Amino acid sequence: MDNEFISKNNERFGYKRFRFLYLEDTLKKEAFLQRTMEVITEFFKD
């Protein structure tokens, strides 16, 4: 997925529209939410 899908779709749309977010199920709730918010904030920053 990282190697083909994301790069091909980002290339097609001309910006980083697709990004893979991996969240381990062993993370504590706070870490899970923090990582999720970081990715969302980074996506909308551009």
PDB file of N, CA and C in Angstrom:
ATOM      1  N   MET A   1       0.822  -1.185   0.000  1.00  0.00           N
ATOM      2  CA  MET A   1       0.000   0.000   0.000  1.00  0.00           C
ATOM      3  C   MET A   1       0.871   1.256   0.000  1.00  0.00           C
ATOM      4  N   ASP A   2       1.845   1.287   0.871  1.00  0.00           N
ATOM      5  CA  ASP A   2       2.729   2.464   0.924  1.00  0.00           C
ATOM      6  C   ASP A   2       3.466   2.677  -0.388  1.00  0.00           C
ATOM      7  N   ASN A   3       3.926   1.599  -0.978  1.00  0.00           N
ATOM      8  CA  ASN A   3       4.777   1.712  -2.160  1.00  0.00           C
ATOM      9  C   ASN A   3       4.032   2.109  -3.421  1.00  0.00           C
ATOM     10  N   GLU A   4       2.832   1.629  -3.605  1.00  0.00           N
ATOM     11  CA  GLU A   4       2.120   1.875  -4.858  1.00  0.00           C
ATOM     12  C   GLU A   4       0.900   2.777  -4.707  1.00  0.00           C
ATOM     13  N   PHE A   5      -0.054   2.362  -3.903  1.00  0.00           N
ATOM     14  CA  PHE A   5      -1.323   3.073  -3.813  1.00  0.00           C
ATOM     15  C   PHE A   5      -1.143   4.534  -3.428  1.00  0.00           C
ATOM     16  N   ILE A   6      -0.445   4.781  -2.343  1.00  0.00           N
ATOM     17  CA  ILE A   6      -0.296   6.149  -1.844  1.00  0.00           C
ATOM     18  C   ILE A   6       0.455   7.019  -2.847  1.00  0.00           C
ATOM     19  N   SER A   7       1.574   6.542  -3.345  1.00  0.00           N
ATOM     20  CA  SER A   7       2.358   7.371  -4.271  1.00  0.00           C
ATOM     21  C   SER A   7       1.611   7.623  -5.578  1.00  0.00           C
ATOM     22  N   LYS A   8       0.953   6.610  -6.117  1.00  0.00           N
ATOM     23  CA  LYS A   8       0.217   6.787  -7.377  1.00  0.00           C
ATOM     24  C   LYS A   8      -0.959   7.747  -7.212  1.00  0.00           C
ATOM     25  N   ASN A   9      -1.688   7.627  -6.130  1.00  0.00           N
ATOM     26  CA  ASN A   9      -2.833   8.503  -5.914  1.00  0.00           C
ATOM     27  C   ASN A   9      -2.402   9.923  -5.593  1.00  0.00           C
ATOM     28  N   ASN A  10      -1.356  10.083  -4.810  1.00  0.00           N
ATOM     29  CA  ASN A  10      -0.850  11.425  -4.538  1.00  0.00           C
ATOM     30  C   ASN A  10      -0.362  12.081  -5.821  1.00  0.00           C
ATOM     31  N   GLU A  11       0.285  11.305  -6.660  1.00  0.00           N
ATOM     32  CA  GLU A  11       0.758  11.818  -7.946  1.00  0.00           C
ATOM     33  C   GLU A  11      -0.434  12.237  -8.820  1.00  0.00           C
ATOM     34  N   ARG A  12      -1.459  11.448  -8.815  1.00  0.00           N
ATOM     35  CA  ARG A  12      -2.661  11.721  -9.625  1.00  0.00           C
ATOM     36  C   ARG A  12      -3.365  12.995  -9.176  1.00  0.00           C
ATOM     37  N   PHE A  13      -3.471  13.193  -7.855  1.00  0.00           N
ATOM     38  CA  PHE A  13      -4.184  14.355  -7.340  1.00  0.00           C
ATOM     39  C   PHE A  13      -3.284  15.578  -7.204  1.00  0.00           C
ATOM     40  N   GLY A  14      -1.971  15.392  -7.244  1.00  0.00           N
ATOM     41  CA  GLY A  14      -1.046  16.516  -7.213  1.00  0.00           C
ATOM     42  C   GLY A  14      -0.698  17.017  -5.820  1.00  0.00           C
ATOM     43  N   TYR A  15      -1.132  16.321  -4.814  1.00  0.00           N
ATOM     44  CA  TYR A  15      -0.773  16.669  -3.433  1.00  0.00           C
ATOM     45  C   TYR A  15      -0.936  15.439  -2.555  1.00  0.00           C
ATOM     46  N   LYS A  16      -0.479  15.525  -1.323  1.00  0.00           N
ATOM     47  CA  LYS A  16      -0.516  14.375  -0.419  1.00  0.00           C
ATOM     48  C   LYS A  16      -1.927  14.170   0.136  1.00  0.00           C
ATOM     49  N   ARG A  17      -2.784  13.644  -0.710  1.00  0.00           N
ATOM     50  CA  ARG A  17      -4.167  13.409  -0.327  1.00  0.00           C
ATOM     51  C   ARG A  17      -4.294  12.134   0.496  1.00  0.00           C
ATOM     52  N   PHE A  18      -3.514  11.140   0.160  1.00  0.00           N
ATOM     53  CA  PHE A  18      -3.588   9.854   0.833  1.00  0.00           C
ATOM     54  C   PHE A  18      -2.350   9.644   1.688  1.00  0.00           C
ATOM     55  N   ARG A  19      -2.584   9.126   2.873  1.00  0.00           N
ATOM     56  CA  ARG A  19      -1.485   8.828   3.779  1.00  0.00           C
ATOM     57  C   ARG A  19      -1.912   7.667   4.655  1.00  0.00           C
ATOM     58  N   PHE A  20      -0.993   6.788   4.906  1.00  0.00           N
ATOM     59  CA  PHE A  20      -1.277   5.623   5.725  1.00  0.00           C
ATOM     60  C   PHE A  20      -1.032   5.970   7.186  1.00  0.00           C
ATOM     61  N   LEU A  21      -1.988   5.679   8.027  1.00  0.00           N
ATOM     62  CA  LEU A  21      -1.859   5.928   9.465  1.00  0.00           C
ATOM     63  C   LEU A  21      -1.905   4.594  10.191  1.00  0.00           C
ATOM     64  N   TYR A  22      -0.792   4.226  10.790  1.00  0.00           N
ATOM     65  CA  TYR A  22      -0.710   2.976  11.537  1.00  0.00           C
ATOM     66  C   TYR A  22      -0.768   3.294  13.020  1.00  0.00           C
ATOM     67  N   LEU A  23      -1.765   2.747  13.684  1.00  0.00           N
ATOM     68  CA  LEU A  23      -1.911   2.930  15.124  1.00  0.00           C
ATOM     69  C   LEU A  23      -1.919   1.551  15.786  1.00  0.00           C
ATOM     70  N   GLU A  24      -0.949   1.323  16.632  1.00  0.00           N
ATOM     71  CA  GLU A  24      -0.878   0.037  17.328  1.00  0.00           C
ATOM     72  C   GLU A  24      -2.010  -0.074  18.336  1.00  0.00           C
ATOM     73  N   ASP A  25      -2.585  -1.251  18.431  1.00  0.00           N
ATOM     74  CA  ASP A  25      -3.662  -1.437  19.391  1.00  0.00           C
ATOM     75  C   ASP A  25      -3.156  -1.534  20.826  1.00  0.00           C
ATOM     76  N   THR A  26      -1.837  -1.547  20.991  1.00  0.00           N
ATOM     77  CA  THR A  26      -1.264  -1.593  22.334  1.00  0.00           C
ATOM     78  C   THR A  26      -1.033  -0.195  22.914  1.00  0.00           C
ATOM     79  N   LEU A  27      -1.245   0.841  22.097  1.00  0.00           N
ATOM     80  CA  LEU A  27      -1.056   2.204  22.585  1.00  0.00           C
ATOM     81  C   LEU A  27      -2.117   2.562  23.616  1.00  0.00           C
ATOM     82  N   LYS A  28      -1.712   3.361  24.562  1.00  0.00           N
ATOM     83  CA  LYS A  28      -2.688   3.882  25.519  1.00  0.00           C
ATOM     84  C   LYS A  28      -3.589   4.875  24.796  1.00  0.00           C
ATOM     85  N   LYS A  29      -4.767   5.104  25.337  1.00  0.00           N
ATOM     86  CA  LYS A  29      -5.749   5.967  24.697  1.00  0.00           C
ATOM     87  C   LYS A  29      -5.177   7.349  24.403  1.00  0.00           C
ATOM     88  N   GLU A  30      -4.423   7.914  25.328  1.00  0.00           N
ATOM     89  CA  GLU A  30      -3.858   9.251  25.146  1.00  0.00           C
ATOM     90  C   GLU A  30      -2.886   9.284  23.973  1.00  0.00           C
ATOM     91  N   ALA A  31      -2.034   8.284  23.863  1.00  0.00           N
ATOM     92  CA  ALA A  31      -1.064   8.219  22.771  1.00  0.00           C
ATOM     93  C   ALA A  31      -1.774   7.996  21.438  1.00  0.00           C
ATOM     94  N   PHE A  32      -2.801   7.167  21.461  1.00  0.00           N
ATOM     95  CA  PHE A  32      -3.599   6.901  20.275  1.00  0.00           C
ATOM     96  C   PHE A  32      -4.234   8.192  19.754  1.00  0.00           C
ATOM     97  N   LEU A  33      -4.859   8.942  20.646  1.00  0.00           N
ATOM     98  CA  LEU A  33      -5.507  10.200  20.266  1.00  0.00           C
ATOM     99  C   LEU A  33      -4.490  11.251  19.836  1.00  0.00           C
ATOM    100  N   GLN A  34      -3.364  11.321  20.529  1.00  0.00           N
ATOM    101  CA  GLN A  34      -2.342  12.305  20.186  1.00  0.00           C
ATOM    102  C   GLN A  34      -1.799  12.051  18.780  1.00  0.00           C
ATOM    103  N   ARG A  35      -1.493  10.813  18.465  1.00  0.00           N
ATOM    104  CA  ARG A  35      -0.959  10.476  17.143  1.00  0.00           C
ATOM    105  C   ARG A  35      -1.989  10.778  16.051  1.00  0.00           C
ATOM    106  N   THR A  36      -3.245  10.440  16.324  1.00  0.00           N
ATOM    107  CA  THR A  36      -4.314  10.713  15.372  1.00  0.00           C
ATOM    108  C   THR A  36      -4.441  12.211  15.112  1.00  0.00           C
ATOM    109  N   MET A  37      -4.422  13.002  16.156  1.00  0.00           N
ATOM    110  CA  MET A  37      -4.543  14.450  16.005  1.00  0.00           C
ATOM    111  C   MET A  37      -3.345  15.045  15.275  1.00  0.00           C
ATOM    112  N   GLU A  38      -2.156  14.514  15.501  1.00  0.00           N
ATOM    113  CA  GLU A  38      -0.960  14.994  14.802  1.00  0.00           C
ATOM    114  C   GLU A  38      -1.099  14.799  13.301  1.00  0.00           C
ATOM    115  N   VAL A  39      -1.576  13.631  12.910  1.00  0.00           N
ATOM    116  CA  VAL A  39      -1.727  13.337  11.486  1.00  0.00           C
ATOM    117  C   VAL A  39      -2.819  14.204  10.862  1.00  0.00           C
ATOM    118  N   ILE A  40      -3.926  14.382  11.562  1.00  0.00           N
ATOM    119  CA  ILE A  40      -5.009  15.234  11.054  1.00  0.00           C
ATOM    120  C   ILE A  40      -4.533  16.674  10.913  1.00  0.00           C
ATOM    121  N   THR A  41      -3.844  17.181  11.917  1.00  0.00           N
ATOM    122  CA  THR A  41      -3.332  18.558  11.880  1.00  0.00           C
ATOM    123  C   THR A  41      -2.348  18.737  10.735  1.00  0.00           C
ATOM    124  N   GLU A  42      -1.452  17.777  10.544  1.00  0.00           N
ATOM    125  CA  GLU A  42      -0.467  17.853   9.467  1.00  0.00           C
ATOM    126  C   GLU A  42      -1.162  17.832   8.106  1.00  0.00           C
ATOM    127  N   PHE A  43      -2.198  17.025   7.969  1.00  0.00           N
ATOM    128  CA  PHE A  43      -2.911  16.928   6.690  1.00  0.00           C
ATOM    129  C   PHE A  43      -3.548  18.256   6.312  1.00  0.00           C
ATOM    130  N   PHE A  44      -4.178  18.924   7.278  1.00  0.00           N
ATOM    131  CA  PHE A  44      -4.884  20.167   6.990  1.00  0.00           C
ATOM    132  C   PHE A  44      -3.995  21.400   7.048  1.00  0.00           C
ATOM    133  N   LYS A  45      -2.730  21.231   7.430  1.00  0.00           N
ATOM    134  CA  LYS A  45      -1.810  22.351   7.518  1.00  0.00           C
ATOM    135  C   LYS A  45      -1.489  22.927   6.141  1.00  0.00           C
ATOM    136  N   ASP A  46      -1.400  22.084   5.145  1.00  0.00           N
ATOM    137  CA  ASP A  46      -1.059  22.532   3.793  1.00  0.00           C
ATOM    138  C   ASP A  46      -2.205  23.195   3.203  1.00  0.00           C
TER     139      ASP A  46
END
